[in-house]
Amino acid sequence: MRAKKIELNVVIWSAVIAGYAQRGCGYEALDVFRQMQLTRSEANAVTLVSLLSGCASIGALPQGKETHCYAIKCIMNIDENDAGDELMVIER
């Protein structure tokens, strides 16, 4: 991606992570997510769902738990009054 000078945005990162996760390459998905974090790109819900799928495919429970906590903390934004919050909270 960098060799061809493709702009690395959340859509590109998510597509690569999802591709690895769908093929059972969870370690590669985790590695790409770490690279994404190093570039200071912000993950979205699609990124994290794909990453959780990758963690599940390799039985990486600790990394799956970390991803879940990250999703709650950064994506769901429970502490702030964001307009999208009601879309992320599941009612019982």
Protein backbone atom coordinates (compact mmCIF):
# COMPACT_ATOMS: atom_id res chain seq x y z
CA MET A 1 0.00 0.00 0.00
CA ARG A 2 2.75 2.40 0.88
CA ALA A 3 4.81 1.42 -2.17
CA LYS A 4 1.96 2.51 -4.46
CA LYS A 5 1.34 5.65 -2.37
CA ILE A 6 -2.25 4.76 -1.56
CA GLU A 7 -3.77 7.10 1.01
CA LEU A 8 -4.17 5.06 4.19
CA ASN A 9 -7.51 6.01 5.72
CA VAL A 10 -9.88 4.07 7.95
CA VAL A 11 -11.63 2.47 4.97
CA ILE A 12 -8.39 1.01 3.59
CA TRP A 13 -7.20 -0.16 7.02
CA SER A 14 -10.59 -1.74 7.75
CA ALA A 15 -10.67 -3.53 4.40
CA VAL A 16 -7.24 -5.05 4.95
CA ILE A 17 -8.08 -6.10 8.52
CA ALA A 18 -11.41 -7.59 7.38
CA GLY A 19 -9.71 -9.46 4.56
CA TYR A 20 -7.22 -11.08 6.91
CA ALA A 21 -9.91 -11.86 9.48
CA GLN A 22 -12.23 -13.49 6.91
CA ARG A 23 -9.44 -15.80 5.83
CA GLY A 24 -8.57 -16.86 9.37
CA CYS A 25 -5.35 -14.84 9.50
CA GLY A 26 -5.98 -13.23 12.87
CA TYR A 27 -2.33 -12.57 13.66
CA GLU A 28 -1.96 -10.58 10.46
CA ALA A 29 -5.17 -8.67 11.24
CA LEU A 30 -3.80 -7.78 14.67
CA ASP A 31 -0.50 -6.69 13.11
CA VAL A 32 -2.26 -4.42 10.62
CA PHE A 33 -4.35 -2.92 13.43
CA ARG A 34 -1.16 -2.16 15.38
CA GLN A 35 0.29 -0.48 12.29
CA MET A 36 -2.93 1.52 11.98
CA GLN A 37 -2.60 2.71 15.57
CA LEU A 38 1.01 3.76 14.97
CA THR A 39 -0.15 6.04 12.15
CA ARG A 40 -2.69 7.59 14.56
CA SER A 41 -5.64 6.55 12.38
CA GLU A 42 -8.91 6.25 14.26
CA ALA A 43 -10.67 2.89 14.13
CA ASN A 44 -14.39 2.69 13.49
CA ALA A 45 -16.99 0.04 14.31
CA VAL A 46 -16.27 -1.93 11.13
CA THR A 47 -12.56 -2.04 11.96
CA LEU A 48 -13.20 -3.35 15.46
CA VAL A 49 -15.80 -5.95 14.45
CA SER A 50 -13.36 -7.28 11.86
CA LEU A 51 -10.56 -7.32 14.40
CA LEU A 52 -12.75 -9.22 16.89
CA SER A 53 -13.50 -11.75 14.16
CA GLY A 54 -9.79 -12.16 13.56
CA CYS A 55 -9.15 -12.66 17.27
CA ALA A 56 -11.87 -15.30 17.41
CA SER A 57 -10.44 -17.16 14.41
CA ILE A 58 -7.14 -17.73 16.22
CA GLY A 59 -8.52 -18.06 19.75
CA ALA A 60 -6.83 -14.87 20.93
CA LEU A 61 -9.03 -14.21 23.96
CA PRO A 62 -6.78 -11.57 25.62
CA GLN A 63 -6.55 -9.53 22.41
CA GLY A 64 -10.29 -9.91 21.88
CA LYS A 65 -10.92 -8.57 25.37
CA GLU A 66 -8.58 -5.64 24.70
CA THR A 67 -10.41 -4.88 21.47
CA HIS A 68 -13.76 -5.04 23.26
CA CYS A 69 -12.55 -2.60 25.94
CA TYR A 70 -11.16 -0.30 23.24
CA ALA A 71 -14.53 -0.34 21.48
CA ILE A 72 -16.38 0.55 24.66
CA LYS A 73 -13.93 3.31 25.54
CA CYS A 74 -13.30 4.93 22.16
CA ILE A 75 -16.14 4.03 19.84
CA MET A 76 -19.21 3.95 22.05
CA ASN A 77 -18.27 7.18 23.86
CA ILE A 78 -20.62 6.40 26.74
CA ASP A 79 -19.34 9.30 28.85
CA GLU A 80 -19.99 11.96 26.22
CA ASN A 81 -23.28 13.10 24.72
CA ASP A 82 -22.58 12.27 21.11
CA ALA A 83 -25.41 12.19 18.60
CA GLY A 84 -24.45 8.67 17.53
CA ASP A 85 -24.45 7.17 21.01
CA GLU A 86 -28.01 5.91 20.86
CA LEU A 87 -27.12 3.94 17.74
CA MET A 88 -24.35 2.04 19.52
CA VAL A 89 -26.08 1.14 22.78
CA ILE A 90 -28.08 -2.07 22.78
CA GLU A 91 -31.26 -1.84 24.83
CA ARG A 92 -32.44 -4.83 26.81
